C-alpha atoms as a PDB file:
ATOM      1  CA  MET A   1      32.375  67.078  75.995  1.00  0.00           C
ATOM      2  CA  MET A   2      28.700  66.043  75.925  1.00  0.00           C
ATOM      3  CA  GLY A   3      27.802  62.537  76.972  1.00  0.00           C
ATOM      4  CA  LYS A   4      25.331  60.207  75.350  1.00  0.00           C
ATOM      5  CA  THR A   5      22.042  59.183  76.910  1.00  0.00           C
ATOM      6  CA  ALA A   6      20.352  55.921  75.950  1.00  0.00           C
ATOM      7  CA  PHE A   7      16.571  55.524  76.055  1.00  0.00           C
ATOM      8  CA  SER A   8      14.579  52.350  76.477  1.00  0.00           C
ATOM      9  CA  THR A   9      10.887  51.617  76.912  1.00  0.00           C
ATOM     10  CA  ARG A  10       8.940  48.397  77.324  1.00  0.00           C
ATOM     11  CA  ASN A  11       6.330  49.963  74.994  1.00  0.00           C
ATOM     12  CA  ALA A  12       8.583  49.089  72.043  1.00  0.00           C
ATOM     13  CA  PRO A  13      10.381  45.837  71.221  1.00  0.00           C
ATOM     14  CA  GLN A  14      13.625  45.223  73.078  1.00  0.00           C
ATOM     15  CA  PRO A  15      16.707  45.134  70.825  1.00  0.00           C
ATOM     16  CA  PRO A  16      17.840  41.633  69.823  1.00  0.00           C
ATOM     17  CA  ALA A  17      21.498  42.603  70.213  1.00  0.00           C
ATOM     18  CA  LYS A  18      23.652  45.078  72.133  1.00  0.00           C
ATOM     19  CA  PHE A  19      22.248  48.434  70.991  1.00  0.00           C
ATOM     20  CA  SER A  20      19.895  51.087  72.341  1.00  0.00           C
ATOM     21  CA  GLN A  21      16.351  51.787  71.186  1.00  0.00           C
ATOM     22  CA  ALA A  22      17.455  55.431  70.941  1.00  0.00           C
ATOM     23  CA  VAL A  23      20.463  57.536  71.832  1.00  0.00           C
ATOM     24  CA  ARG A  24      20.623  61.275  72.422  1.00  0.00           C
ATOM     25  CA  LYS A  25      23.755  63.387  72.281  1.00  0.00           C
ATOM     26  CA  GLY A  26      23.230  67.097  72.655  1.00  0.00           C
ATOM     27  CA  ASN A  27      20.035  67.909  70.806  1.00  0.00           C
ATOM     28  CA  ILE A  28      20.356  64.966  68.358  1.00  0.00           C
ATOM     29  CA  LEU A  29      18.229  61.868  68.934  1.00  0.00           C
ATOM     30  CA  GLN A  30      18.656  58.739  66.814  1.00  0.00           C
ATOM     31  CA  VAL A  31      15.948  56.090  67.039  1.00  0.00           C
ATOM     32  CA  ALA A  32      17.148  52.625  66.044  1.00  0.00           C
ATOM     33  CA  GLY A  33      15.394  50.860  63.189  1.00  0.00           C
ATOM     34  CA  GLN A  34      11.979  49.579  64.212  1.00  0.00           C
ATOM     35  CA  VAL A  35      10.011  46.743  62.674  1.00  0.00           C
ATOM     36  CA  ALA A  36       6.511  45.420  63.275  1.00  0.00           C
ATOM     37  CA  PHE A  37       7.169  43.413  66.432  1.00  0.00           C
ATOM     38  CA  ASP A  38       4.558  43.637  69.161  1.00  0.00           C
ATOM     39  CA  PRO A  39       6.486  44.738  72.269  1.00  0.00           C
ATOM     40  CA  ALA A  40       4.544  42.400  74.580  1.00  0.00           C
ATOM     41  CA  SER A  41       4.528  39.185  72.573  1.00  0.00           C
ATOM     42  CA  GLY A  42       7.404  39.640  70.136  1.00  0.00           C
ATOM     43  CA  ALA A  43       5.108  38.522  67.303  1.00  0.00           C
ATOM     44  CA  VAL A  44       5.026  40.297  63.942  1.00  0.00           C
ATOM     45  CA  VAL A  45       1.965  42.550  63.686  1.00  0.00           C
ATOM     46  CA  GLY A  46       0.487  42.911  60.207  1.00  0.00           C
ATOM     47  CA  GLU A  47       0.452  40.571  57.256  1.00  0.00           C
ATOM     48  CA  ASP A  48       1.054  43.320  54.707  1.00  0.00           C
ATOM     49  CA  VAL A  49       3.302  46.369  54.490  1.00  0.00           C
ATOM     50  CA  ALA A  50       0.476  48.701  55.579  1.00  0.00           C
ATOM     51  CA  GLY A  51      -0.164  46.824  58.819  1.00  0.00           C
ATOM     52  CA  GLN A  52       3.533  46.433  59.536  1.00  0.00           C
ATOM     53  CA  THR A  53       4.130  50.138  58.888  1.00  0.00           C
ATOM     54  CA  ARG A  54       1.442  51.034  61.443  1.00  0.00           C
ATOM     55  CA  GLN A  55       3.121  48.859  64.097  1.00  0.00           C
ATOM     56  CA  ALA A  56       6.596  50.202  63.305  1.00  0.00           C
ATOM     57  CA  PHE A  57       5.194  53.741  63.736  1.00  0.00           C
ATOM     58  CA  LYS A  58       3.694  52.756  67.118  1.00  0.00           C
ATOM     59  CA  ASN A  59       7.071  51.437  68.213  1.00  0.00           C
ATOM     60  CA  ILE A  60       8.855  54.592  67.061  1.00  0.00           C
ATOM     61  CA  GLU A  61       6.292  56.826  68.769  1.00  0.00           C
ATOM     62  CA  ALA A  62       6.786  54.958  72.056  1.00  0.00           C
ATOM     63  CA  ILE A  63      10.549  55.490  71.863  1.00  0.00           C
ATOM     64  CA  LEU A  64      10.244  59.142  70.833  1.00  0.00           C
ATOM     65  CA  THR A  65       7.895  59.722  73.790  1.00  0.00           C
ATOM     66  CA  GLU A  66      10.304  58.014  76.195  1.00  0.00           C
ATOM     67  CA  ALA A  67      13.051  60.355  74.968  1.00  0.00           C
ATOM     68  CA  GLY A  68      10.865  63.461  75.334  1.00  0.00           C
ATOM     69  CA  ALA A  69      10.360  63.877  71.612  1.00  0.00           C
ATOM     70  CA  SER A  70       7.655  63.458  68.965  1.00  0.00           C
ATOM     71  CA  TRP A  71       7.303  63.092  65.216  1.00  0.00           C
ATOM     72  CA  ALA A  72       7.363  66.919  65.045  1.00  0.00           C
ATOM     73  CA  ASP A  73      11.062  66.702  66.015  1.00  0.00           C
ATOM     74  CA  ALA A  74      11.918  64.242  63.223  1.00  0.00           C
ATOM     75  CA  VAL A  75      14.194  65.665  60.532  1.00  0.00           C
ATOM     76  CA  MET A  76      15.065  62.422  58.718  1.00  0.00           C
ATOM     77  CA  VAL A  77      13.251  59.131  58.224  1.00  0.00           C
ATOM     78  CA  ARG A  78      14.961  56.157  56.638  1.00  0.00           C
ATOM     79  CA  VAL A  79      12.713  53.412  55.305  1.00  0.00           C
ATOM     80  CA  TYR A  80      13.824  49.922  54.361  1.00  0.00           C
ATOM     81  CA  LEU A  81      11.386  47.909  52.230  1.00  0.00           C
ATOM     82  CA  THR A  82      11.812  44.319  51.052  1.00  0.00           C
ATOM     83  CA  ASP A  83       9.912  44.726  47.775  1.00  0.00           C
ATOM     84  CA  THR A  84       9.623  47.590  45.280  1.00  0.00           C
ATOM     85  CA  GLY A  85       5.934  46.686  44.968  1.00  0.00           C
ATOM     86  CA  HIS A  86       5.437  47.840  48.574  1.00  0.00           C
ATOM     87  CA  PHE A  87       6.384  51.452  47.805  1.00  0.00           C
ATOM     88  CA  ALA A  88       2.880  52.710  46.926  1.00  0.00           C
ATOM     89  CA  PRO A  89       0.993  50.993  49.795  1.00  0.00           C
ATOM     90  CA  PHE A  90       3.723  52.054  52.233  1.00  0.00           C
ATOM     91  CA  ASN A  91       3.412  55.668  51.059  1.00  0.00           C
ATOM     92  CA  GLU A  92      -0.364  55.646  51.583  1.00  0.00           C
ATOM     93  CA  VAL A  93       0.042  54.696  55.241  1.00  0.00           C
ATOM     94  CA  TYR A  94       3.129  56.874  55.734  1.00  0.00           C
ATOM     95  CA  ASP A  95       1.325  59.940  54.366  1.00  0.00           C
ATOM     96  CA  GLU A  96      -1.585  59.267  56.721  1.00  0.00           C
ATOM     97  CA  LEU A  97       0.595  58.784  59.805  1.00  0.00           C
ATOM     98  CA  ILE A  98       3.379  61.336  59.329  1.00  0.00           C
ATOM     99  CA  GLY A  99       1.113  64.323  59.907  1.00  0.00           C
ATOM    100  CA  ASP A 100       1.175  67.862  58.634  1.00  0.00           C
ATOM    101  CA  ALA A 101       4.026  69.796  57.065  1.00  0.00           C
ATOM    102  CA  PRO A 102       6.823  70.287  57.426  1.00  0.00           C
ATOM    103  CA  GLN A 103       7.508  66.616  56.959  1.00  0.00           C
ATOM    104  CA  PRO A 104      10.963  65.203  57.635  1.00  0.00           C
ATOM    105  CA  ALA A 105      13.309  64.351  54.795  1.00  0.00           C
ATOM    106  CA  ARG A 106      13.163  60.692  53.785  1.00  0.00           C
ATOM    107  CA  THR A 107      15.191  57.984  52.105  1.00  0.00           C
ATOM    108  CA  THR A 108      13.737  54.656  50.979  1.00  0.00           C
ATOM    109  CA  VAL A 109      15.909  51.678  50.116  1.00  0.00           C
ATOM    110  CA  TYR A 110      15.199  48.051  49.295  1.00  0.00           C
ATOM    111  CA  VAL A 111      16.805  45.413  51.489  1.00  0.00           C
ATOM    112  CA  GLY A 112      16.526  41.897  52.805  1.00  0.00           C
ATOM    113  CA  LEU A 113      14.924  41.622  56.243  1.00  0.00           C
ATOM    114  CA  PRO A 114      14.338  38.560  58.440  1.00  0.00           C
ATOM    115  CA  ALA A 115      11.512  36.271  57.301  1.00  0.00           C
ATOM    116  CA  GLY A 116       8.059  37.786  57.714  1.00  0.00           C
ATOM    117  CA  LEU A 117       9.262  41.384  58.015  1.00  0.00           C
ATOM    118  CA  LEU A 118       8.425  43.766  55.190  1.00  0.00           C
ATOM    119  CA  VAL A 119       9.519  47.194  56.501  1.00  0.00           C
ATOM    120  CA  GLU A 120      11.994  48.751  58.921  1.00  0.00           C
ATOM    121  CA  ILE A 121      12.078  52.455  59.805  1.00  0.00           C
ATOM    122  CA  ASP A 122      14.592  54.580  61.696  1.00  0.00           C
ATOM    123  CA  VAL A 123      14.305  58.236  62.680  1.00  0.00           C
ATOM    124  CA  LEU A 124      16.726  61.072  63.335  1.00  0.00           C
ATOM    125  CA  ALA A 125      15.259  63.865  65.449  1.00  0.00           C
ATOM    126  CA  VAL A 126      16.563  67.226  66.617  1.00  0.00           C
ATOM    127  CA  LEU A 127      15.239  68.465  69.947  1.00  0.00           C
ATOM    128  CA  ASP A 128      15.070  72.075  71.067  1.00  0.00           C
END
């Protein structure tokens, strides 16, 4: 039976509860949902969904790197937005940051997040 390996980096916000930033089992890597917290200060970065999306991507990239992965390994991205009006501006930044094809599959849902947070993103990656 394959064990699980947890990954943690100080280049992304530390979890506020008992969970890992990412966990790998076999060739599957799940990155926990990331928001726009600055890893050093804990402050929210970005006053709008575009700015917060950029910080969430930075946090995800730091975790992917720590786990020996990259966005090229991502097969699924789940996006949680607090407002349907954020869909278009989120997509503009997402399209810019996600890179060239083939892009991962994606789901977007609308949720409540803690005050000041507009977007949360988690990633499922498959490593060779």
